[in-house]
Amino acid sequence: MSTNKTNDEEQIRQLLDDWAKEFRAKDLDGIMSIYAPDIVSFDAIAQLQFKGVNEYRKHWEACLSFCQGPITFEMRDLDIT
């Protein structure tokens, strides 16, 4: 594996680790920090498609309001290619 690819993979893993920590902490600003302003996202809860970071933020606010107590979240078998 080349040094650039290794470094890129490490950066991606760190970004995802940081995001997971923000999610577990229910930190909405931290969760939203990785998304582009013009995000188009699909989810299985409520409406299926979200356009733009403001719309997606509202979705996350609603989702977090349902989470009582600590959040358990982990990524398994992550393969970055």
PDB file of N, CA and C in Angstrom:
ATOM      1  N   MET A   1       0.853  -1.170   0.000  1.00  0.00           N
ATOM      2  CA  MET A   1       0.000   0.000   0.000  1.00  0.00           C
ATOM      3  C   MET A   1       0.899   1.232   0.000  1.00  0.00           C
ATOM      4  N   SER A   2       0.606   2.191  -0.858  1.00  0.00           N
ATOM      5  CA  SER A   2       1.427   3.389  -0.936  1.00  0.00           C
ATOM      6  C   SER A   2       1.227   4.264   0.298  1.00  0.00           C
ATOM      7  N   THR A   3       2.195   5.128   0.540  1.00  0.00           N
ATOM      8  CA  THR A   3       2.126   6.025   1.692  1.00  0.00           C
ATOM      9  C   THR A   3       0.913   6.938   1.597  1.00  0.00           C
ATOM     10  N   ASN A   4       0.627   7.473   0.402  1.00  0.00           N
ATOM     11  CA  ASN A   4      -0.534   8.351   0.233  1.00  0.00           C
ATOM     12  C   ASN A   4      -1.824   7.616   0.530  1.00  0.00           C
ATOM     13  N   LYS A   5      -1.938   6.393   0.025  1.00  0.00           N
ATOM     14  CA  LYS A   5      -3.150   5.616   0.258  1.00  0.00           C
ATOM     15  C   LYS A   5      -3.303   5.297   1.745  1.00  0.00           C
ATOM     16  N   THR A   6      -2.198   4.946   2.385  1.00  0.00           N
ATOM     17  CA  THR A   6      -2.229   4.663   3.820  1.00  0.00           C
ATOM     18  C   THR A   6      -2.661   5.899   4.589  1.00  0.00           C
ATOM     19  N   ASN A   7      -2.099   7.050   4.260  1.00  0.00           N
ATOM     20  CA  ASN A   7      -2.445   8.299   4.926  1.00  0.00           C
ATOM     21  C   ASN A   7      -3.912   8.654   4.683  1.00  0.00           C
ATOM     22  N   ASP A   8      -4.382   8.492   3.452  1.00  0.00           N
ATOM     23  CA  ASP A   8      -5.789   8.761   3.139  1.00  0.00           C
ATOM     24  C   ASP A   8      -6.701   7.859   3.960  1.00  0.00           C
ATOM     25  N   GLU A   9      -6.352   6.583   4.034  1.00  0.00           N
ATOM     26  CA  GLU A   9      -7.164   5.640   4.801  1.00  0.00           C
ATOM     27  C   GLU A   9      -7.184   6.017   6.277  1.00  0.00           C
ATOM     28  N   GLU A  10      -6.044   6.403   6.813  1.00  0.00           N
ATOM     29  CA  GLU A  10      -5.983   6.819   8.217  1.00  0.00           C
ATOM     30  C   GLU A  10      -6.859   8.042   8.462  1.00  0.00           C
ATOM     31  N   GLN A  11      -6.843   8.988   7.533  1.00  0.00           N
ATOM     32  CA  GLN A  11      -7.666  10.193   7.674  1.00  0.00           C
ATOM     33  C   GLN A  11      -9.156   9.858   7.627  1.00  0.00           C
ATOM     34  N   ILE A  12      -9.531   8.962   6.736  1.00  0.00           N
ATOM     35  CA  ILE A  12     -10.937   8.549   6.636  1.00  0.00           C
ATOM     36  C   ILE A  12     -11.367   7.835   7.911  1.00  0.00           C
ATOM     37  N   ARG A  13     -10.545   6.925   8.381  1.00  0.00           N
ATOM     38  CA  ARG A  13     -10.871   6.207   9.626  1.00  0.00           C
ATOM     39  C   ARG A  13     -10.991   7.179  10.804  1.00  0.00           C
ATOM     40  N   GLN A  14     -10.089   8.151  10.872  1.00  0.00           N
ATOM     41  CA  GLN A  14     -10.147   9.135  11.957  1.00  0.00           C
ATOM     42  C   GLN A  14     -11.422   9.972  11.861  1.00  0.00           C
ATOM     43  N   LEU A  15     -11.782  10.384  10.658  1.00  0.00           N
ATOM     44  CA  LEU A  15     -13.015  11.147  10.454  1.00  0.00           C
ATOM     45  C   LEU A  15     -14.226  10.350  10.928  1.00  0.00           C
ATOM     46  N   LEU A  16     -14.284   9.084  10.560  1.00  0.00           N
ATOM     47  CA  LEU A  16     -15.408   8.236  10.965  1.00  0.00           C
ATOM     48  C   LEU A  16     -15.398   7.965  12.464  1.00  0.00           C
ATOM     49  N   ASP A  17     -14.217   7.782  13.045  1.00  0.00           N
ATOM     50  CA  ASP A  17     -14.123   7.599  14.503  1.00  0.00           C
ATOM     51  C   ASP A  17     -14.610   8.846  15.237  1.00  0.00           C
ATOM     52  N   ASP A  18     -14.185  10.013  14.752  1.00  0.00           N
ATOM     53  CA  ASP A  18     -14.625  11.267  15.372  1.00  0.00           C
ATOM     54  C   ASP A  18     -16.135  11.427  15.248  1.00  0.00           C
ATOM     55  N   TRP A  19     -16.678  11.118  14.060  1.00  0.00           N
ATOM     56  CA  TRP A  19     -18.124  11.231  13.851  1.00  0.00           C
ATOM     57  C   TRP A  19     -18.872  10.293  14.798  1.00  0.00           C
ATOM     58  N   ALA A  20     -18.388   9.079  14.950  1.00  0.00           N
ATOM     59  CA  ALA A  20     -19.044   8.120  15.843  1.00  0.00           C
ATOM     60  C   ALA A  20     -19.041   8.628  17.285  1.00  0.00           C
ATOM     61  N   LYS A  21     -17.946   9.248  17.712  1.00  0.00           N
ATOM     62  CA  LYS A  21     -17.888   9.820  19.066  1.00  0.00           C
ATOM     63  C   LYS A  21     -18.920  10.929  19.222  1.00  0.00           C
ATOM     64  N   GLU A  22     -19.044  11.783  18.205  1.00  0.00           N
ATOM     65  CA  GLU A  22     -20.027  12.868  18.251  1.00  0.00           C
ATOM     66  C   GLU A  22     -21.446  12.299  18.293  1.00  0.00           C
ATOM     67  N   PHE A  23     -21.685  11.259  17.537  1.00  0.00           N
ATOM     68  CA  PHE A  23     -23.004  10.621  17.532  1.00  0.00           C
ATOM     69  C   PHE A  23     -23.321  10.042  18.908  1.00  0.00           C
ATOM     70  N   ARG A  24     -22.380   9.307  19.478  1.00  0.00           N
ATOM     71  CA  ARG A  24     -22.598   8.727  20.806  1.00  0.00           C
ATOM     72  C   ARG A  24     -22.836   9.809  21.859  1.00  0.00           C
ATOM     73  N   ALA A  25     -22.210  10.977  21.672  1.00  0.00           N
ATOM     74  CA  ALA A  25     -22.364  12.090  22.608  1.00  0.00           C
ATOM     75  C   ALA A  25     -23.620  12.919  22.315  1.00  0.00           C
ATOM     76  N   LYS A  26     -24.320  12.572  21.242  1.00  0.00           N
ATOM     77  CA  LYS A  26     -25.522  13.305  20.806  1.00  0.00           C
ATOM     78  C   LYS A  26     -25.204  14.773  20.524  1.00  0.00           C
ATOM     79  N   ASP A  27     -24.015  15.003  19.973  1.00  0.00           N
ATOM     80  CA  ASP A  27     -23.551  16.354  19.639  1.00  0.00           C
ATOM     81  C   ASP A  27     -23.959  16.659  18.203  1.00  0.00           C
ATOM     82  N   LEU A  28     -25.073  17.360  18.041  1.00  0.00           N
ATOM     83  CA  LEU A  28     -25.618  17.609  16.711  1.00  0.00           C
ATOM     84  C   LEU A  28     -24.645  18.394  15.833  1.00  0.00           C
ATOM     85  N   ASP A  29     -23.984  19.409  16.382  1.00  0.00           N
ATOM     86  CA  ASP A  29     -23.016  20.169  15.586  1.00  0.00           C
ATOM     87  C   ASP A  29     -21.876  19.268  15.118  1.00  0.00           C
ATOM     88  N   GLY A  30     -21.402  18.391  15.989  1.00  0.00           N
ATOM     89  CA  GLY A  30     -20.346  17.460  15.610  1.00  0.00           C
ATOM     90  C   GLY A  30     -20.799  16.482  14.541  1.00  0.00           C
ATOM     91  N   ILE A  31     -22.011  15.969  14.689  1.00  0.00           N
ATOM     92  CA  ILE A  31     -22.569  15.051  13.692  1.00  0.00           C
ATOM     93  C   ILE A  31     -22.634  15.733  12.332  1.00  0.00           C
ATOM     94  N   MET A  32     -23.121  16.958  12.318  1.00  0.00           N
ATOM     95  CA  MET A  32     -23.336  17.659  11.057  1.00  0.00           C
ATOM     96  C   MET A  32     -22.048  18.177  10.432  1.00  0.00           C
ATOM     97  N   SER A  33     -20.966  18.220  11.193  1.00  0.00           N
ATOM     98  CA  SER A  33     -19.731  18.843  10.719  1.00  0.00           C
ATOM     99  C   SER A  33     -19.116  18.165   9.500  1.00  0.00           C
ATOM    100  N   ILE A  34     -19.447  16.920   9.229  1.00  0.00           N
ATOM    101  CA  ILE A  34     -18.814  16.231   8.095  1.00  0.00           C
ATOM    102  C   ILE A  34     -19.617  16.342   6.804  1.00  0.00           C
ATOM    103  N   TYR A  35     -20.828  16.871   6.881  1.00  0.00           N
ATOM    104  CA  TYR A  35     -21.695  16.897   5.707  1.00  0.00           C
ATOM    105  C   TYR A  35     -21.529  18.181   4.905  1.00  0.00           C
ATOM    106  N   ALA A  36     -21.528  18.050   3.586  1.00  0.00           N
ATOM    107  CA  ALA A  36     -21.456  19.201   2.690  1.00  0.00           C
ATOM    108  C   ALA A  36     -22.780  19.961   2.722  1.00  0.00           C
ATOM    109  N   PRO A  37     -22.746  21.272   2.492  1.00  0.00           N
ATOM    110  CA  PRO A  37     -23.978  22.063   2.513  1.00  0.00           C
ATOM    111  C   PRO A  37     -25.036  21.559   1.530  1.00  0.00           C
ATOM    112  N   ASP A  38     -24.612  20.984   0.415  1.00  0.00           N
ATOM    113  CA  ASP A  38     -25.563  20.530  -0.607  1.00  0.00           C
ATOM    114  C   ASP A  38     -25.789  19.019  -0.564  1.00  0.00           C
ATOM    115  N   ILE A  39     -25.652  18.430   0.618  1.00  0.00           N
ATOM    116  CA  ILE A  39     -25.838  16.988   0.779  1.00  0.00           C
ATOM    117  C   ILE A  39     -27.202  16.539   0.254  1.00  0.00           C
ATOM    118  N   VAL A  40     -27.221  15.383  -0.365  1.00  0.00           N
ATOM    119  CA  VAL A  40     -28.456  14.666  -0.679  1.00  0.00           C
ATOM    120  C   VAL A  40     -28.301  13.320   0.017  1.00  0.00           C
ATOM    121  N   SER A  41     -29.184  13.052   0.965  1.00  0.00           N
ATOM    122  CA  SER A  41     -29.070  11.850   1.777  1.00  0.00           C
ATOM    123  C   SER A  41     -30.366  11.066   1.737  1.00  0.00           C
ATOM    124  N   PHE A  42     -30.248   9.775   1.901  1.00  0.00           N
ATOM    125  CA  PHE A  42     -31.408   8.892   1.921  1.00  0.00           C
ATOM    126  C   PHE A  42     -31.418   8.139   3.239  1.00  0.00           C
ATOM    127  N   ASP A  43     -32.606   7.983   3.814  1.00  0.00           N
ATOM    128  CA  ASP A  43     -32.745   7.321   5.099  1.00  0.00           C
ATOM    129  C   ASP A  43     -34.040   6.527   5.088  1.00  0.00           C
ATOM    130  N   ALA A  44     -34.196   5.663   6.055  1.00  0.00           N
ATOM    131  CA  ALA A  44     -35.397   4.823   6.124  1.00  0.00           C
ATOM    132  C   ALA A  44     -36.421   5.371   7.112  1.00  0.00           C
ATOM    133  N   ILE A  45     -36.108   6.490   7.747  1.00  0.00           N
ATOM    134  CA  ILE A  45     -37.003   7.057   8.751  1.00  0.00           C
ATOM    135  C   ILE A  45     -37.633   8.326   8.188  1.00  0.00           C
ATOM    136  N   ALA A  46     -38.935   8.472   8.396  1.00  0.00           N
ATOM    137  CA  ALA A  46     -39.703   9.632   7.910  1.00  0.00           C
ATOM    138  C   ALA A  46     -39.581   9.710   6.394  1.00  0.00           C
ATOM    139  N   GLN A  47     -39.285  10.877   5.875  1.00  0.00           N
ATOM    140  CA  GLN A  47     -39.116  10.971   4.427  1.00  0.00           C
ATOM    141  C   GLN A  47     -37.852  10.220   4.031  1.00  0.00           C
ATOM    142  N   LEU A  48     -37.800   9.789   2.813  1.00  0.00           N
ATOM    143  CA  LEU A  48     -36.662   8.967   2.396  1.00  0.00           C
ATOM    144  C   LEU A  48     -35.488   9.778   1.867  1.00  0.00           C
ATOM    145  N   GLN A  49     -35.749  10.990   1.362  1.00  0.00           N
ATOM    146  CA  GLN A  49     -34.675  11.788   0.778  1.00  0.00           C
ATOM    147  C   GLN A  49     -34.612  13.150   1.454  1.00  0.00           C
ATOM    148  N   PHE A  50     -33.388  13.587   1.720  1.00  0.00           N
ATOM    149  CA  PHE A  50     -33.151  14.886   2.331  1.00  0.00           C
ATOM    150  C   PHE A  50     -32.202  15.661   1.431  1.00  0.00           C
ATOM    151  N   LYS A  51     -32.560  16.896   1.098  1.00  0.00           N
ATOM    152  CA  LYS A  51     -31.715  17.732   0.245  1.00  0.00           C
ATOM    153  C   LYS A  51     -31.253  18.939   1.038  1.00  0.00           C
ATOM    154  N   GLY A  52     -29.964  19.069   1.171  1.00  0.00           N
ATOM    155  CA  GLY A  52     -29.386  20.211   1.865  1.00  0.00           C
ATOM    156  C   GLY A  52     -29.135  19.922   3.332  1.00  0.00           C
ATOM    157  N   VAL A  53     -28.110  20.580   3.843  1.00  0.00           N
ATOM    158  CA  VAL A  53     -27.677  20.322   5.207  1.00  0.00           C
ATOM    159  C   VAL A  53     -28.725  20.758   6.233  1.00  0.00           C
ATOM    160  N   ASN A  54     -29.481  21.808   5.968  1.00  0.00           N
ATOM    161  CA  ASN A  54     -30.492  22.256   6.930  1.00  0.00           C
ATOM    162  C   ASN A  54     -31.611  21.235   7.078  1.00  0.00           C
ATOM    163  N   GLU A  55     -32.052  20.677   5.965  1.00  0.00           N
ATOM    164  CA  GLU A  55     -33.095  19.650   6.004  1.00  0.00           C
ATOM    165  C   GLU A  55     -32.593  18.397   6.722  1.00  0.00           C
ATOM    166  N   TYR A  56     -31.356  18.022   6.428  1.00  0.00           N
ATOM    167  CA  TYR A  56     -30.800  16.830   7.062  1.00  0.00           C
ATOM    168  C   TYR A  56     -30.571  17.066   8.553  1.00  0.00           C
ATOM    169  N   ARG A  57     -30.199  18.276   8.933  1.00  0.00           N
ATOM    170  CA  ARG A  57     -30.014  18.608  10.349  1.00  0.00           C
ATOM    171  C   ARG A  57     -31.332  18.447  11.113  1.00  0.00           C
ATOM    172  N   LYS A  58     -32.424  18.909  10.529  1.00  0.00           N
ATOM    173  CA  LYS A  58     -33.738  18.758  11.170  1.00  0.00           C
ATOM    174  C   LYS A  58     -34.056  17.279  11.388  1.00  0.00           C
ATOM    175  N   HIS A  59     -33.699  16.460  10.413  1.00  0.00           N
ATOM    176  CA  HIS A  59     -33.905  15.016  10.535  1.00  0.00           C
ATOM    177  C   HIS A  59     -33.098  14.466  11.710  1.00  0.00           C
ATOM    178  N   TRP A  60     -31.834  14.860  11.803  1.00  0.00           N
ATOM    179  CA  TRP A  60     -30.996  14.396  12.906  1.00  0.00           C
ATOM    180  C   TRP A  60     -31.530  14.874  14.249  1.00  0.00           C
ATOM    181  N   GLU A  61     -32.023  16.105  14.307  1.00  0.00           N
ATOM    182  CA  GLU A  61     -32.611  16.610  15.560  1.00  0.00           C
ATOM    183  C   GLU A  61     -33.758  15.709  15.993  1.00  0.00           C
ATOM    184  N   ALA A  62     -34.617  15.355  15.043  1.00  0.00           N
ATOM    185  CA  ALA A  62     -35.755  14.479  15.352  1.00  0.00           C
ATOM    186  C   ALA A  62     -35.267  13.101  15.802  1.00  0.00           C
ATOM    187  N   CYS A  63     -34.291  12.553  15.105  1.00  0.00           N
ATOM    188  CA  CYS A  63     -33.773  11.227  15.468  1.00  0.00           C
ATOM    189  C   CYS A  63     -33.175  11.235  16.871  1.00  0.00           C
ATOM    190  N   LEU A  64     -32.387  12.246  17.176  1.00  0.00           N
ATOM    191  CA  LEU A  64     -31.750  12.303  18.492  1.00  0.00           C
ATOM    192  C   LEU A  64     -32.770  12.484  19.606  1.00  0.00           C
ATOM    193  N   SER A  65     -33.898  13.108  19.300  1.00  0.00           N
ATOM    194  CA  SER A  65     -34.919  13.301  20.336  1.00  0.00           C
ATOM    195  C   SER A  65     -35.533  11.969  20.773  1.00  0.00           C
ATOM    196  N   PHE A  66     -35.431  10.950  19.939  1.00  0.00           N
ATOM    197  CA  PHE A  66     -35.950   9.627  20.281  1.00  0.00           C
ATOM    198  C   PHE A  66     -34.953   8.795  21.098  1.00  0.00           C
ATOM    199  N   CYS A  67     -33.716   9.230  21.153  1.00  0.00           N
ATOM    200  CA  CYS A  67     -32.659   8.455  21.809  1.00  0.00           C
ATOM    201  C   CYS A  67     -32.596   8.811  23.287  1.00  0.00           C
ATOM    202  N   GLN A  68     -33.139   7.959  24.094  1.00  0.00           N
ATOM    203  CA  GLN A  68     -33.075   8.140  25.544  1.00  0.00           C
ATOM    204  C   GLN A  68     -31.896   7.332  26.072  1.00  0.00           C
ATOM    205  N   GLY A  69     -31.125   7.921  26.948  1.00  0.00           N
ATOM    206  CA  GLY A  69     -29.977   7.211  27.496  1.00  0.00           C
ATOM    207  C   GLY A  69     -28.811   7.194  26.527  1.00  0.00           C
ATOM    208  N   PRO A  70     -27.791   6.412  26.856  1.00  0.00           N
ATOM    209  CA  PRO A  70     -26.591   6.370  26.020  1.00  0.00           C
ATOM    210  C   PRO A  70     -26.845   5.678  24.681  1.00  0.00           C
ATOM    211  N   ILE A  71     -26.105   6.116  23.687  1.00  0.00           N
ATOM    212  CA  ILE A  71     -26.185   5.530  22.345  1.00  0.00           C
ATOM    213  C   ILE A  71     -25.041   4.535  22.189  1.00  0.00           C
ATOM    214  N   THR A  72     -25.367   3.353  21.704  1.00  0.00           N
ATOM    215  CA  THR A  72     -24.361   2.356  21.367  1.00  0.00           C
ATOM    216  C   THR A  72     -24.236   2.329  19.850  1.00  0.00           C
ATOM    217  N   PHE A  73     -23.040   2.537  19.347  1.00  0.00           N
ATOM    218  CA  PHE A  73     -22.811   2.576  17.907  1.00  0.00           C
ATOM    219  C   PHE A  73     -21.396   2.114  17.644  1.00  0.00           C
ATOM    220  N   GLU A  74     -21.232   1.221  16.699  1.00  0.00           N
ATOM    221  CA  GLU A  74     -19.895   0.811  16.286  1.00  0.00           C
ATOM    222  C   GLU A  74     -19.917   0.430  14.818  1.00  0.00           C
ATOM    223  N   MET A  75     -18.777   0.609  14.168  1.00  0.00           N
ATOM    224  CA  MET A  75     -18.606   0.192  12.778  1.00  0.00           C
ATOM    225  C   MET A  75     -17.788  -1.085  12.790  1.00  0.00           C
ATOM    226  N   ARG A  76     -18.215  -2.030  11.975  1.00  0.00           N
ATOM    227  CA  ARG A  76     -17.500  -3.304  11.889  1.00  0.00           C
ATOM    228  C   ARG A  76     -17.115  -3.584  10.443  1.00  0.00           C
ATOM    229  N   ASP A  77     -16.023  -4.257  10.299  1.00  0.00           N
ATOM    230  CA  ASP A  77     -15.574  -4.721   8.986  1.00  0.00           C
ATOM    231  C   ASP A  77     -15.508  -3.588   7.967  1.00  0.00           C
ATOM    232  N   LEU A  78     -15.009  -2.432   8.380  1.00  0.00           N
ATOM    233  CA  LEU A  78     -14.883  -1.286   7.490  1.00  0.00           C
ATOM    234  C   LEU A  78     -13.742  -1.537   6.513  1.00  0.00           C
ATOM    235  N   ASP A  79     -14.049  -1.500   5.239  1.00  0.00           N
ATOM    236  CA  ASP A  79     -13.051  -1.709   4.193  1.00  0.00           C
ATOM    237  C   ASP A  79     -12.995  -0.448   3.343  1.00  0.00           C
ATOM    238  N   ILE A  80     -11.898   0.249   3.392  1.00  0.00           N
ATOM    239  CA  ILE A  80     -11.722   1.483   2.635  1.00  0.00           C
ATOM    240  C   ILE A  80     -10.853   1.161   1.434  1.00  0.00           C
ATOM    241  N   THR A  81     -11.399   1.376   0.248  1.00  0.00           N
ATOM    242  CA  THR A  81     -10.651   1.052  -0.975  1.00  0.00           C
ATOM    243  C   THR A  81     -10.507   2.253  -1.869  1.00  0.00           C
TER     244      THR A  81
END
